[in-house]
Amino acid sequence: MNVLGLYNYWVVMVLMMLGFYIVISQGNLIKKIIGLSIFQASVFILYISMAKVAGGTAPILDESISTYSNPLPHVLILTAIVVGVATTALGLALVVRIRESYGTIEEDEIQAQDEEA
């Protein structure tokens, strides 16, 4: 098996580690949400990559077709994308409210203000 031929899995690993690194290294709440979105996109790519069957076609019954691709993972990823957009919007709305309350979106400054109060 050629390792370079599995480039989509390399892309998944790079995006996943990049998103995870952004989440744990940044103190800015918006950057954390962007990191989570990158991580989430890598999971989408992983599921779609695993669902594709080489030489498979759409599941339409035909005598000449013997290999089918399962459309269920693709449908589930479409649902996950909608949920991901909604949770990202909710997260950004929470960041706006935090900014209104604390005057900052830096995590360490927010914790310092909470310890003072």
PDB file of N, CA and C in Angstrom:
ATOM      1  N   MET A   1       0.847  -1.183   0.000  1.00  0.00           N
ATOM      2  CA  MET A   1       0.000   0.000   0.000  1.00  0.00           C
ATOM      3  C   MET A   1       0.888   1.239   0.000  1.00  0.00           C
ATOM      4  N   ASN A   2       0.622   2.152  -0.882  1.00  0.00           N
ATOM      5  CA  ASN A   2       1.387   3.380  -1.006  1.00  0.00           C
ATOM      6  C   ASN A   2       0.865   4.410  -0.008  1.00  0.00           C
ATOM      7  N   VAL A   3       1.759   4.879   0.867  1.00  0.00           N
ATOM      8  CA  VAL A   3       1.368   5.823   1.903  1.00  0.00           C
ATOM      9  C   VAL A   3       1.002   7.181   1.298  1.00  0.00           C
ATOM     10  N   LEU A   4       1.689   7.594   0.238  1.00  0.00           N
ATOM     11  CA  LEU A   4       1.388   8.881  -0.375  1.00  0.00           C
ATOM     12  C   LEU A   4       0.058   8.870  -1.108  1.00  0.00           C
ATOM     13  N   GLY A   5      -0.427   7.686  -1.477  1.00  0.00           N
ATOM     14  CA  GLY A   5      -1.710   7.581  -2.156  1.00  0.00           C
ATOM     15  C   GLY A   5      -2.891   7.866  -1.238  1.00  0.00           C
ATOM     16  N   LEU A   6      -2.639   7.849   0.053  1.00  0.00           N
ATOM     17  CA  LEU A   6      -3.700   8.122   1.027  1.00  0.00           C
ATOM     18  C   LEU A   6      -3.633   9.581   1.489  1.00  0.00           C
ATOM     19  N   TYR A   7      -3.500  10.490   0.529  1.00  0.00           N
ATOM     20  CA  TYR A   7      -3.303  11.899   0.860  1.00  0.00           C
ATOM     21  C   TYR A   7      -4.479  12.496   1.617  1.00  0.00           C
ATOM     22  N   ASN A   8      -5.694  11.994   1.379  1.00  0.00           N
ATOM     23  CA  ASN A   8      -6.845  12.558   2.080  1.00  0.00           C
ATOM     24  C   ASN A   8      -6.751  12.304   3.587  1.00  0.00           C
ATOM     25  N   TYR A   9      -6.157  11.182   3.985  1.00  0.00           N
ATOM     26  CA  TYR A   9      -5.983  10.923   5.409  1.00  0.00           C
ATOM     27  C   TYR A   9      -4.873  11.796   5.990  1.00  0.00           C
ATOM     28  N   TRP A  10      -3.865  12.113   5.191  1.00  0.00           N
ATOM     29  CA  TRP A  10      -2.834  13.047   5.640  1.00  0.00           C
ATOM     30  C   TRP A  10      -3.437  14.433   5.847  1.00  0.00           C
ATOM     31  N   VAL A  11      -4.312  14.839   4.942  1.00  0.00           N
ATOM     32  CA  VAL A  11      -4.981  16.131   5.081  1.00  0.00           C
ATOM     33  C   VAL A  11      -5.822  16.147   6.350  1.00  0.00           C
ATOM     34  N   VAL A  12      -6.519  15.056   6.620  1.00  0.00           N
ATOM     35  CA  VAL A  12      -7.332  14.960   7.833  1.00  0.00           C
ATOM     36  C   VAL A  12      -6.452  15.108   9.074  1.00  0.00           C
ATOM     37  N   MET A  13      -5.328  14.399   9.099  1.00  0.00           N
ATOM     38  CA  MET A  13      -4.449  14.474  10.272  1.00  0.00           C
ATOM     39  C   MET A  13      -3.882  15.876  10.466  1.00  0.00           C
ATOM     40  N   VAL A  14      -3.471  16.510   9.384  1.00  0.00           N
ATOM     41  CA  VAL A  14      -2.904  17.855   9.496  1.00  0.00           C
ATOM     42  C   VAL A  14      -3.968  18.842   9.979  1.00  0.00           C
ATOM     43  N   LEU A  15      -5.148  18.794   9.385  1.00  0.00           N
ATOM     44  CA  LEU A  15      -6.220  19.705   9.810  1.00  0.00           C
ATOM     45  C   LEU A  15      -6.643  19.448  11.251  1.00  0.00           C
ATOM     46  N   MET A  16      -6.707  18.184  11.635  1.00  0.00           N
ATOM     47  CA  MET A  16      -7.126  17.843  12.990  1.00  0.00           C
ATOM     48  C   MET A  16      -6.113  18.368  14.018  1.00  0.00           C
ATOM     49  N   MET A  17      -4.834  18.154  13.753  1.00  0.00           N
ATOM     50  CA  MET A  17      -3.809  18.627  14.684  1.00  0.00           C
ATOM     51  C   MET A  17      -3.715  20.150  14.690  1.00  0.00           C
ATOM     52  N   LEU A  18      -3.911  20.774  13.531  1.00  0.00           N
ATOM     53  CA  LEU A  18      -3.911  22.227  13.460  1.00  0.00           C
ATOM     54  C   LEU A  18      -5.064  22.815  14.279  1.00  0.00           C
ATOM     55  N   GLY A  19      -6.257  22.276  14.100  1.00  0.00           N
ATOM     56  CA  GLY A  19      -7.410  22.750  14.868  1.00  0.00           C
ATOM     57  C   GLY A  19      -7.237  22.533  16.362  1.00  0.00           C
ATOM     58  N   PHE A  20      -6.708  21.369  16.735  1.00  0.00           N
ATOM     59  CA  PHE A  20      -6.483  21.072  18.151  1.00  0.00           C
ATOM     60  C   PHE A  20      -5.434  22.011  18.744  1.00  0.00           C
ATOM     61  N   TYR A  21      -4.369  22.265  17.990  1.00  0.00           N
ATOM     62  CA  TYR A  21      -3.324  23.175  18.461  1.00  0.00           C
ATOM     63  C   TYR A  21      -3.874  24.584  18.663  1.00  0.00           C
ATOM     64  N   ILE A  22      -4.699  25.039  17.747  1.00  0.00           N
ATOM     65  CA  ILE A  22      -5.280  26.379  17.875  1.00  0.00           C
ATOM     66  C   ILE A  22      -6.150  26.464  19.122  1.00  0.00           C
ATOM     67  N   VAL A  23      -6.924  25.422  19.388  1.00  0.00           N
ATOM     68  CA  VAL A  23      -7.816  25.433  20.549  1.00  0.00           C
ATOM     69  C   VAL A  23      -7.031  25.493  21.855  1.00  0.00           C
ATOM     70  N   ILE A  24      -5.956  24.711  21.958  1.00  0.00           N
ATOM     71  CA  ILE A  24      -5.245  24.661  23.240  1.00  0.00           C
ATOM     72  C   ILE A  24      -4.195  25.762  23.396  1.00  0.00           C
ATOM     73  N   SER A  25      -3.757  26.391  22.312  1.00  0.00           N
ATOM     74  CA  SER A  25      -2.678  27.371  22.431  1.00  0.00           C
ATOM     75  C   SER A  25      -3.170  28.818  22.492  1.00  0.00           C
ATOM     76  N   GLN A  26      -4.344  29.088  22.007  1.00  0.00           N
ATOM     77  CA  GLN A  26      -4.826  30.464  21.924  1.00  0.00           C
ATOM     78  C   GLN A  26      -5.708  30.807  23.115  1.00  0.00           C
ATOM     79  N   GLY A  27      -5.597  32.059  23.554  1.00  0.00           N
ATOM     80  CA  GLY A  27      -6.448  32.538  24.633  1.00  0.00           C
ATOM     81  C   GLY A  27      -7.632  33.339  24.126  1.00  0.00           C
ATOM     82  N   ASN A  28      -7.601  33.705  22.862  1.00  0.00           N
ATOM     83  CA  ASN A  28      -8.670  34.478  22.250  1.00  0.00           C
ATOM     84  C   ASN A  28      -9.839  33.540  21.941  1.00  0.00           C
ATOM     85  N   LEU A  29     -11.028  33.910  22.381  1.00  0.00           N
ATOM     86  CA  LEU A  29     -12.189  33.024  22.233  1.00  0.00           C
ATOM     87  C   LEU A  29     -12.587  32.826  20.771  1.00  0.00           C
ATOM     88  N   ILE A  30     -12.451  33.839  19.947  1.00  0.00           N
ATOM     89  CA  ILE A  30     -12.803  33.694  18.530  1.00  0.00           C
ATOM     90  C   ILE A  30     -11.831  32.741  17.840  1.00  0.00           C
ATOM     91  N   LYS A  31     -10.552  32.833  18.188  1.00  0.00           N
ATOM     92  CA  LYS A  31      -9.575  31.911  17.621  1.00  0.00           C
ATOM     93  C   LYS A  31      -9.855  30.475  18.051  1.00  0.00           C
ATOM     94  N   LYS A  32     -10.336  30.308  19.265  1.00  0.00           N
ATOM     95  CA  LYS A  32     -10.707  28.955  19.726  1.00  0.00           C
ATOM     96  C   LYS A  32     -11.879  28.399  18.909  1.00  0.00           C
ATOM     97  N   ILE A  33     -12.843  29.231  18.604  1.00  0.00           N
ATOM     98  CA  ILE A  33     -13.986  28.794  17.800  1.00  0.00           C
ATOM     99  C   ILE A  33     -13.531  28.447  16.385  1.00  0.00           C
ATOM    100  N   ILE A  34     -12.610  29.224  15.828  1.00  0.00           N
ATOM    101  CA  ILE A  34     -12.067  28.910  14.503  1.00  0.00           C
ATOM    102  C   ILE A  34     -11.324  27.583  14.541  1.00  0.00           C
ATOM    103  N   GLY A  35     -10.560  27.342  15.593  1.00  0.00           N
ATOM    104  CA  GLY A  35      -9.866  26.061  15.748  1.00  0.00           C
ATOM    105  C   GLY A  35     -10.829  24.891  15.823  1.00  0.00           C
ATOM    106  N   LEU A  36     -11.927  25.072  16.545  1.00  0.00           N
ATOM    107  CA  LEU A  36     -12.939  24.012  16.613  1.00  0.00           C
ATOM    108  C   LEU A  36     -13.577  23.762  15.249  1.00  0.00           C
ATOM    109  N   SER A  37     -13.778  24.810  14.478  1.00  0.00           N
ATOM    110  CA  SER A  37     -14.348  24.652  13.136  1.00  0.00           C
ATOM    111  C   SER A  37     -13.391  23.902  12.214  1.00  0.00           C
ATOM    112  N   ILE A  38     -12.100  24.184  12.320  1.00  0.00           N
ATOM    113  CA  ILE A  38     -11.109  23.458  11.515  1.00  0.00           C
ATOM    114  C   ILE A  38     -11.084  21.991  11.917  1.00  0.00           C
ATOM    115  N   PHE A  39     -11.114  21.730  13.211  1.00  0.00           N
ATOM    116  CA  PHE A  39     -11.146  20.349  13.703  1.00  0.00           C
ATOM    117  C   PHE A  39     -12.387  19.628  13.185  1.00  0.00           C
ATOM    118  N   GLN A  40     -13.513  20.304  13.235  1.00  0.00           N
ATOM    119  CA  GLN A  40     -14.766  19.730  12.773  1.00  0.00           C
ATOM    120  C   GLN A  40     -14.718  19.432  11.276  1.00  0.00           C
ATOM    121  N   ALA A  41     -14.130  20.308  10.495  1.00  0.00           N
ATOM    122  CA  ALA A  41     -14.009  20.076   9.054  1.00  0.00           C
ATOM    123  C   ALA A  41     -13.147  18.852   8.772  1.00  0.00           C
ATOM    124  N   SER A  42     -12.118  18.624   9.584  1.00  0.00           N
ATOM    125  CA  SER A  42     -11.283  17.437   9.389  1.00  0.00           C
ATOM    126  C   SER A  42     -12.069  16.158   9.653  1.00  0.00           C
ATOM    127  N   VAL A  43     -12.955  16.192  10.615  1.00  0.00           N
ATOM    128  CA  VAL A  43     -13.797  15.015  10.882  1.00  0.00           C
ATOM    129  C   VAL A  43     -14.752  14.771   9.719  1.00  0.00           C
ATOM    130  N   PHE A  44     -15.281  15.834   9.138  1.00  0.00           N
ATOM    131  CA  PHE A  44     -16.149  15.686   7.967  1.00  0.00           C
ATOM    132  C   PHE A  44     -15.398  15.025   6.819  1.00  0.00           C
ATOM    133  N   ILE A  45     -14.192  15.499   6.563  1.00  0.00           N
ATOM    134  CA  ILE A  45     -13.387  14.923   5.480  1.00  0.00           C
ATOM    135  C   ILE A  45     -13.090  13.458   5.756  1.00  0.00           C
ATOM    136  N   LEU A  46     -12.818  13.119   7.009  1.00  0.00           N
ATOM    137  CA  LEU A  46     -12.537  11.729   7.373  1.00  0.00           C
ATOM    138  C   LEU A  46     -13.728  10.827   7.080  1.00  0.00           C
ATOM    139  N   TYR A  47     -14.909  11.228   7.499  1.00  0.00           N
ATOM    140  CA  TYR A  47     -16.101  10.403   7.270  1.00  0.00           C
ATOM    141  C   TYR A  47     -16.408  10.263   5.781  1.00  0.00           C
ATOM    142  N   ILE A  48     -16.278  11.343   5.045  1.00  0.00           N
ATOM    143  CA  ILE A  48     -16.562  11.273   3.611  1.00  0.00           C
ATOM    144  C   ILE A  48     -15.529  10.412   2.903  1.00  0.00           C
ATOM    145  N   SER A  49     -14.262  10.489   3.331  1.00  0.00           N
ATOM    146  CA  SER A  49     -13.216   9.662   2.728  1.00  0.00           C
ATOM    147  C   SER A  49     -13.456   8.181   2.968  1.00  0.00           C
ATOM    148  N   MET A  50     -13.906   7.849   4.160  1.00  0.00           N
ATOM    149  CA  MET A  50     -14.154   6.438   4.468  1.00  0.00           C
ATOM    150  C   MET A  50     -15.394   5.906   3.754  1.00  0.00           C
ATOM    151  N   ALA A  51     -16.319   6.792   3.435  1.00  0.00           N
ATOM    152  CA  ALA A  51     -17.571   6.341   2.844  1.00  0.00           C
ATOM    153  C   ALA A  51     -17.463   6.052   1.358  1.00  0.00           C
ATOM    154  N   LYS A  52     -16.487   6.639   0.695  1.00  0.00           N
ATOM    155  CA  LYS A  52     -16.364   6.446  -0.745  1.00  0.00           C
ATOM    156  C   LYS A  52     -15.762   5.079  -1.051  1.00  0.00           C
ATOM    157  N   VAL A  53     -16.428   4.342  -1.924  1.00  0.00           N
ATOM    158  CA  VAL A  53     -15.966   3.031  -2.363  1.00  0.00           C
ATOM    159  C   VAL A  53     -15.371   3.191  -3.758  1.00  0.00           C
ATOM    160  N   ALA A  54     -14.170   2.685  -3.951  1.00  0.00           N
ATOM    161  CA  ALA A  54     -13.516   2.803  -5.255  1.00  0.00           C
ATOM    162  C   ALA A  54     -14.330   2.057  -6.307  1.00  0.00           C
ATOM    163  N   GLY A  55     -14.711   2.737  -7.350  1.00  0.00           N
ATOM    164  CA  GLY A  55     -15.491   2.124  -8.423  1.00  0.00           C
ATOM    165  C   GLY A  55     -16.978   2.026  -8.108  1.00  0.00           C
ATOM    166  N   GLY A  56     -17.387   2.528  -6.952  1.00  0.00           N
ATOM    167  CA  GLY A  56     -18.800   2.461  -6.577  1.00  0.00           C
ATOM    168  C   GLY A  56     -19.609   3.558  -7.233  1.00  0.00           C
ATOM    169  N   THR A  57     -20.866   3.280  -7.454  1.00  0.00           N
ATOM    170  CA  THR A  57     -21.769   4.262  -8.047  1.00  0.00           C
ATOM    171  C   THR A  57     -22.924   4.518  -7.092  1.00  0.00           C
ATOM    172  N   ALA A  58     -23.800   5.403  -7.488  1.00  0.00           N
ATOM    173  CA  ALA A  58     -24.983   5.695  -6.685  1.00  0.00           C
ATOM    174  C   ALA A  58     -25.840   4.438  -6.574  1.00  0.00           C
ATOM    175  N   PRO A  59     -26.521   4.260  -5.452  1.00  0.00           N
ATOM    176  CA  PRO A  59     -27.307   3.038  -5.252  1.00  0.00           C
ATOM    177  C   PRO A  59     -28.609   3.021  -6.056  1.00  0.00           C
ATOM    178  N   ILE A  60     -28.452   2.945  -7.353  1.00  0.00           N
ATOM    179  CA  ILE A  60     -29.592   2.817  -8.251  1.00  0.00           C
ATOM    180  C   ILE A  60     -29.537   1.406  -8.821  1.00  0.00           C
ATOM    181  N   LEU A  61     -30.599   0.658  -8.641  1.00  0.00           N
ATOM    182  CA  LEU A  61     -30.599  -0.734  -9.079  1.00  0.00           C
ATOM    183  C   LEU A  61     -30.516  -0.829 -10.597  1.00  0.00           C
ATOM    184  N   ASP A  62     -29.491  -1.551 -11.029  1.00  0.00           N
ATOM    185  CA  ASP A  62     -29.268  -1.764 -12.444  1.00  0.00           C
ATOM    186  C   ASP A  62     -28.514  -3.075 -12.590  1.00  0.00           C
ATOM    187  N   GLU A  63     -28.823  -3.809 -13.612  1.00  0.00           N
ATOM    188  CA  GLU A  63     -28.195  -5.113 -13.829  1.00  0.00           C
ATOM    189  C   GLU A  63     -26.684  -4.995 -14.084  1.00  0.00           C
ATOM    190  N   SER A  64     -26.248  -3.912 -14.714  1.00  0.00           N
ATOM    191  CA  SER A  64     -24.846  -3.791 -15.090  1.00  0.00           C
ATOM    192  C   SER A  64     -23.942  -3.279 -13.955  1.00  0.00           C
ATOM    193  N   ILE A  65     -24.532  -2.777 -12.869  1.00  0.00           N
ATOM    194  CA  ILE A  65     -23.754  -2.229 -11.760  1.00  0.00           C
ATOM    195  C   ILE A  65     -23.670  -3.262 -10.643  1.00  0.00           C
ATOM    196  N   SER A  66     -22.435  -3.493 -10.166  1.00  0.00           N
ATOM    197  CA  SER A  66     -22.278  -4.474  -9.093  1.00  0.00           C
ATOM    198  C   SER A  66     -21.745  -3.863  -7.805  1.00  0.00           C
ATOM    199  N   THR A  67     -21.122  -2.684  -7.875  1.00  0.00           N
ATOM    200  CA  THR A  67     -20.543  -2.050  -6.688  1.00  0.00           C
ATOM    201  C   THR A  67     -21.237  -0.715  -6.441  1.00  0.00           C
ATOM    202  N   TYR A  68     -21.749  -0.576  -5.232  1.00  0.00           N
ATOM    203  CA  TYR A  68     -22.470   0.637  -4.856  1.00  0.00           C
ATOM    204  C   TYR A  68     -21.744   1.353  -3.724  1.00  0.00           C
ATOM    205  N   SER A  69     -21.894   2.670  -3.682  1.00  0.00           N
ATOM    206  CA  SER A  69     -21.413   3.471  -2.556  1.00  0.00           C
ATOM    207  C   SER A  69     -22.593   3.730  -1.629  1.00  0.00           C
ATOM    208  N   ASN A  70     -22.330   3.679  -0.338  1.00  0.00           N
ATOM    209  CA  ASN A  70     -23.374   3.923   0.645  1.00  0.00           C
ATOM    210  C   ASN A  70     -23.577   5.432   0.808  1.00  0.00           C
ATOM    211  N   PRO A  71     -24.772   5.956   0.563  1.00  0.00           N
ATOM    212  CA  PRO A  71     -24.992   7.401   0.675  1.00  0.00           C
ATOM    213  C   PRO A  71     -25.251   7.871   2.105  1.00  0.00           C
ATOM    214  N   LEU A  72     -25.450   6.970   3.047  1.00  0.00           N
ATOM    215  CA  LEU A  72     -25.793   7.365   4.413  1.00  0.00           C
ATOM    216  C   LEU A  72     -24.724   8.233   5.085  1.00  0.00           C
ATOM    217  N   PRO A  73     -23.428   7.904   4.997  1.00  0.00           N
ATOM    218  CA  PRO A  73     -22.442   8.798   5.630  1.00  0.00           C
ATOM    219  C   PRO A  73     -22.452  10.214   5.053  1.00  0.00           C
ATOM    220  N   HIS A  74     -22.692  10.342   3.774  1.00  0.00           N
ATOM    221  CA  HIS A  74     -22.744  11.668   3.161  1.00  0.00           C
ATOM    222  C   HIS A  74     -23.942  12.454   3.688  1.00  0.00           C
ATOM    223  N   VAL A  75     -25.060  11.792   3.858  1.00  0.00           N
ATOM    224  CA  VAL A  75     -26.258  12.451   4.391  1.00  0.00           C
ATOM    225  C   VAL A  75     -26.028  12.861   5.835  1.00  0.00           C
ATOM    226  N   LEU A  76     -25.376  12.000   6.615  1.00  0.00           N
ATOM    227  CA  LEU A  76     -25.098  12.335   8.005  1.00  0.00           C
ATOM    228  C   LEU A  76     -24.140  13.520   8.109  1.00  0.00           C
ATOM    229  N   ILE A  77     -23.191  13.604   7.202  1.00  0.00           N
ATOM    230  CA  ILE A  77     -22.264  14.731   7.215  1.00  0.00           C
ATOM    231  C   ILE A  77     -22.989  16.019   6.844  1.00  0.00           C
ATOM    232  N   LEU A  78     -23.940  15.960   5.930  1.00  0.00           N
ATOM    233  CA  LEU A  78     -24.733  17.159   5.624  1.00  0.00           C
ATOM    234  C   LEU A  78     -25.462  17.652   6.862  1.00  0.00           C
ATOM    235  N   THR A  79     -26.018  16.724   7.632  1.00  0.00           N
ATOM    236  CA  THR A  79     -26.681  17.089   8.884  1.00  0.00           C
ATOM    237  C   THR A  79     -25.675  17.662   9.871  1.00  0.00           C
ATOM    238  N   ALA A  80     -24.494  17.060   9.947  1.00  0.00           N
ATOM    239  CA  ALA A  80     -23.458  17.543  10.866  1.00  0.00           C
ATOM    240  C   ALA A  80     -22.978  18.932  10.479  1.00  0.00           C
ATOM    241  N   ILE A  81     -22.931  19.231   9.191  1.00  0.00           N
ATOM    242  CA  ILE A  81     -22.531  20.567   8.750  1.00  0.00           C
ATOM    243  C   ILE A  81     -23.543  21.605   9.222  1.00  0.00           C
ATOM    244  N   VAL A  82     -24.820  21.287   9.114  1.00  0.00           N
ATOM    245  CA  VAL A  82     -25.864  22.213   9.567  1.00  0.00           C
ATOM    246  C   VAL A  82     -25.757  22.428  11.073  1.00  0.00           C
ATOM    247  N   VAL A  83     -25.565  21.354  11.818  1.00  0.00           N
ATOM    248  CA  VAL A  83     -25.412  21.470  13.271  1.00  0.00           C
ATOM    249  C   VAL A  83     -24.149  22.251  13.605  1.00  0.00           C
ATOM    250  N   GLY A  84     -23.071  22.023  12.855  1.00  0.00           N
ATOM    251  CA  GLY A  84     -21.826  22.737  13.091  1.00  0.00           C
ATOM    252  C   GLY A  84     -21.956  24.232  12.862  1.00  0.00           C
ATOM    253  N   VAL A  85     -22.657  24.616  11.821  1.00  0.00           N
ATOM    254  CA  VAL A  85     -22.876  26.040  11.555  1.00  0.00           C
ATOM    255  C   VAL A  85     -23.706  26.659  12.678  1.00  0.00           C
ATOM    256  N   ALA A  86     -24.703  25.942  13.137  1.00  0.00           N
ATOM    257  CA  ALA A  86     -25.547  26.459  14.220  1.00  0.00           C
ATOM    258  C   ALA A  86     -24.759  26.610  15.522  1.00  0.00           C
ATOM    259  N   THR A  87     -23.937  25.637  15.864  1.00  0.00           N
ATOM    260  CA  THR A  87     -23.162  25.739  17.104  1.00  0.00           C
ATOM    261  C   THR A  87     -22.081  26.803  16.998  1.00  0.00           C
ATOM    262  N   THR A  88     -21.503  26.986  15.810  1.00  0.00           N
ATOM    263  CA  THR A  88     -20.527  28.061  15.619  1.00  0.00           C
ATOM    264  C   THR A  88     -21.201  29.422  15.788  1.00  0.00           C
ATOM    265  N   ALA A  89     -22.391  29.571  15.242  1.00  0.00           N
ATOM    266  CA  ALA A  89     -23.129  30.827  15.399  1.00  0.00           C
ATOM    267  C   ALA A  89     -23.469  31.069  16.867  1.00  0.00           C
ATOM    268  N   LEU A  90     -23.858  30.034  17.581  1.00  0.00           N
ATOM    269  CA  LEU A  90     -24.153  30.165  19.010  1.00  0.00           C
ATOM    270  C   LEU A  90     -22.894  30.544  19.781  1.00  0.00           C
ATOM    271  N   GLY A  91     -21.777  29.907  19.447  1.00  0.00           N
ATOM    272  CA  GLY A  91     -20.521  30.237  20.109  1.00  0.00           C
ATOM    273  C   GLY A  91     -20.117  31.678  19.878  1.00  0.00           C
ATOM    274  N   LEU A  92     -20.271  32.155  18.654  1.00  0.00           N
ATOM    275  CA  LEU A  92     -19.938  33.549  18.361  1.00  0.00           C
ATOM    276  C   LEU A  92     -20.887  34.512  19.068  1.00  0.00           C
ATOM    277  N   ALA A  93     -22.152  34.134  19.189  1.00  0.00           N
ATOM    278  CA  ALA A  93     -23.097  34.971  19.935  1.00  0.00           C
ATOM    279  C   ALA A  93     -22.714  35.028  21.418  1.00  0.00           C
ATOM    280  N   LEU A  94     -22.245  33.915  21.957  1.00  0.00           N
ATOM    281  CA  LEU A  94     -21.785  33.917  23.348  1.00  0.00           C
ATOM    282  C   LEU A  94     -20.535  34.775  23.519  1.00  0.00           C
ATOM    283  N   VAL A  95     -19.660  34.759  22.537  1.00  0.00           N
ATOM    284  CA  VAL A  95     -18.464  35.603  22.598  1.00  0.00           C
ATOM    285  C   VAL A  95     -18.863  37.079  22.593  1.00  0.00           C
ATOM    286  N   VAL A  96     -19.863  37.431  21.824  1.00  0.00           N
ATOM    287  CA  VAL A  96     -20.342  38.817  21.804  1.00  0.00           C
ATOM    288  C   VAL A  96     -20.864  39.210  23.184  1.00  0.00           C
ATOM    289  N   ARG A  97     -21.633  38.326  23.805  1.00  0.00           N
ATOM    290  CA  ARG A  97     -22.171  38.611  25.148  1.00  0.00           C
ATOM    291  C   ARG A  97     -21.063  38.690  26.195  1.00  0.00           C
ATOM    292  N   ILE A  98     -20.059  37.821  26.070  1.00  0.00           N
ATOM    293  CA  ILE A  98     -18.920  37.873  26.988  1.00  0.00           C
ATOM    294  C   ILE A  98     -18.174  39.186  26.817  1.00  0.00           C
ATOM    295  N   ARG A  99     -18.019  39.624  25.585  1.00  0.00           N
ATOM    296  CA  ARG A  99     -17.336  40.897  25.305  1.00  0.00           C
ATOM    297  C   ARG A  99     -18.109  42.063  25.904  1.00  0.00           C
ATOM    298  N   GLU A 100     -19.438  42.005  25.836  1.00  0.00           N
ATOM    299  CA  GLU A 100     -20.249  43.064  26.429  1.00  0.00           C
ATOM    300  C   GLU A 100     -20.122  43.073  27.953  1.00  0.00           C
ATOM    301  N   SER A 101     -20.029  41.895  28.552  1.00  0.00           N
ATOM    302  CA  SER A 101     -19.975  41.804  30.013  1.00  0.00           C
ATOM    303  C   SER A 101     -18.592  42.112  30.571  1.00  0.00           C
ATOM    304  N   TYR A 102     -17.545  41.597  29.947  1.00  0.00           N
ATOM    305  CA  TYR A 102     -16.195  41.705  30.488  1.00  0.00           C
ATOM    306  C   TYR A 102     -15.330  42.746  29.781  1.00  0.00           C
ATOM    307  N   GLY A 103     -15.710  43.149  28.589  1.00  0.00           N
ATOM    308  CA  GLY A 103     -14.915  44.119  27.848  1.00  0.00           C
ATOM    309  C   GLY A 103     -13.726  43.514  27.126  1.00  0.00           C
ATOM    310  N   THR A 104     -13.620  42.202  27.118  1.00  0.00           N
ATOM    311  CA  THR A 104     -12.508  41.525  26.448  1.00  0.00           C
ATOM    312  C   THR A 104     -12.955  40.126  26.022  1.00  0.00           C
ATOM    313  N   ILE A 105     -12.185  39.538  25.093  1.00  0.00           N
ATOM    314  CA  ILE A 105     -12.449  38.151  24.707  1.00  0.00           C
ATOM    315  C   ILE A 105     -11.218  37.278  24.941  1.00  0.00           C
ATOM    316  N   GLU A 106     -10.261  37.797  25.718  1.00  0.00           N
ATOM    317  CA  GLU A 106      -9.082  37.026  26.082  1.00  0.00           C
ATOM    318  C   GLU A 106      -9.391  36.216  27.341  1.00  0.00           C
ATOM    319  N   GLU A 107      -9.105  34.932  27.283  1.00  0.00           N
ATOM    320  CA  GLU A 107      -9.476  34.013  28.355  1.00  0.00           C
ATOM    321  C   GLU A 107      -8.816  34.355  29.686  1.00  0.00           C
ATOM    322  N   ASP A 108      -7.536  34.696  29.676  1.00  0.00           N
ATOM    323  CA  ASP A 108      -6.845  34.984  30.929  1.00  0.00           C
ATOM    324  C   ASP A 108      -7.337  36.275  31.579  1.00  0.00           C
ATOM    325  N   GLU A 109      -7.708  37.270  30.790  1.00  0.00           N
ATOM    326  CA  GLU A 109      -8.258  38.503  31.342  1.00  0.00           C
ATOM    327  C   GLU A 109      -9.637  38.276  31.953  1.00  0.00           C
ATOM    328  N   ILE A 110     -10.429  37.426  31.346  1.00  0.00           N
ATOM    329  CA  ILE A 110     -11.746  37.098  31.876  1.00  0.00           C
ATOM    330  C   ILE A 110     -11.609  36.376  33.213  1.00  0.00           C
ATOM    331  N   GLN A 111     -10.673  35.411  33.287  1.00  0.00           N
ATOM    332  CA  GLN A 111     -10.449  34.685  34.539  1.00  0.00           C
ATOM    333  C   GLN A 111      -9.937  35.622  35.626  1.00  0.00           C
ATOM    334  N   ALA A 112      -9.073  36.574  35.263  1.00  0.00           N
ATOM    335  CA  ALA A 112      -8.562  37.528  36.251  1.00  0.00           C
ATOM    336  C   ALA A 112      -9.692  38.405  36.795  1.00  0.00           C
ATOM    337  N   GLN A 113     -10.598  38.822  35.937  1.00  0.00           N
ATOM    338  CA  GLN A 113     -11.730  39.632  36.403  1.00  0.00           C
ATOM    339  C   GLN A 113     -12.648  38.820  37.299  1.00  0.00           C
ATOM    340  N   ASP A 114     -12.830  37.534  37.002  1.00  0.00           N
ATOM    341  CA  ASP A 114     -13.671  36.685  37.848  1.00  0.00           C
ATOM    342  C   ASP A 114     -13.034  36.468  39.217  1.00  0.00           C
ATOM    343  N   GLU A 115     -11.700  36.343  39.262  1.00  0.00           N
ATOM    344  CA  GLU A 115     -11.028  36.139  40.547  1.00  0.00           C
ATOM    345  C   GLU A 115     -11.070  37.394  41.406  1.00  0.00           C
ATOM    346  N   GLU A 116     -11.058  38.569  40.786  1.00  0.00           N
ATOM    347  CA  GLU A 116     -11.145  39.821  41.523  1.00  0.00           C
ATOM    348  C   GLU A 116     -12.527  40.010  42.138  1.00  0.00           C
ATOM    349  N   ALA A 117     -13.544  39.532  41.457  1.00  0.00           N
ATOM    350  CA  ALA A 117     -14.933  39.768  41.909  1.00  0.00           C
ATOM    351  C   ALA A 117     -15.367  38.826  42.980  1.00  0.00           C
TER     352      ALA A 117
END
